[in-house]
């Protein structure tokens, strides 16, 4: 029996996140206090008290979810057989498998959030959820919308069968949403996001993070980590580094990741972090898998 540990990405945040953990566990509390010190901001207060508008800003959302996930994982005394994280969650997974230190990952996650927020301002774009169409049909819709508008839109998150998120220039995303509805999507709607994540519009974030990632100390993990970029497992520090950078401009292959984990022996999946989004995606992707979570 193999157990996979999964770590959520942006969208799982809520005001009050981590407060119960902080109040009830002194070991976890140290990570929250340490994070405030390392970042020089009162991240803890933003997480516990909001306001929601501030917590929803990418530069705070990303370190908040990362901190919650890692502090929680550190209290579990868990020994994963494999790990993966959804977008930002890949950094939480890297700490969980021992490839990157908490301090180094926290700094880079904060910088990643800032750069992605800036990229969203420099290259305005948006994202949309498409439900009830298969992957290939959504890809075709994106290609058609790109051709008709002359602007990029592409599948950005392969979340589970029948649930994709698309990303790109606003005009192209809106066109793709209209085409998806025409082609039988059960639902296609724009998402309230600050940028076109996992698309070429994140190029400024890629350029800004490259140098910091090159300097990041990455060691061989204690267990394989499945990359969003390839959906494949790796133990190689250089490959991990390259995957983290490429992830910014390319789709999160979550459906493929879960299928590959299952093929490689995972029959139990544990989500660690705020919310239950990933548990739902496992349920819709893998029939009969054992699913649990720690919030």
Foldseek 3Di string as FASTA:
>chain_A
DAEEEEAEAPPLADAQQCVVVLVPPVQLVVLQVVLCVLVVHNLVCCRHPNPPVVCNQLLNVLLNQLSQQQSQLVVPPDDHQEYEYFQSRNLSRLCSQPFAPPSLSSVLSSLLSVLQLVLCVVQPKFKKKFFDDAQVVLQVLQVVLCVVVVWHKGFAEPLAGRITMIFTHHSSLVSSQVVSVVVPTPHMGTDPHSHRWQACSSVSSLVVSLVSLVPGGTAFTNHWYQAQAPLDTDRDRVVSSVSSSNSRHHHRHNLSNLVNVVVVPHQEYEYGGRDCSNQVSNCRRDPNGHYYYDD
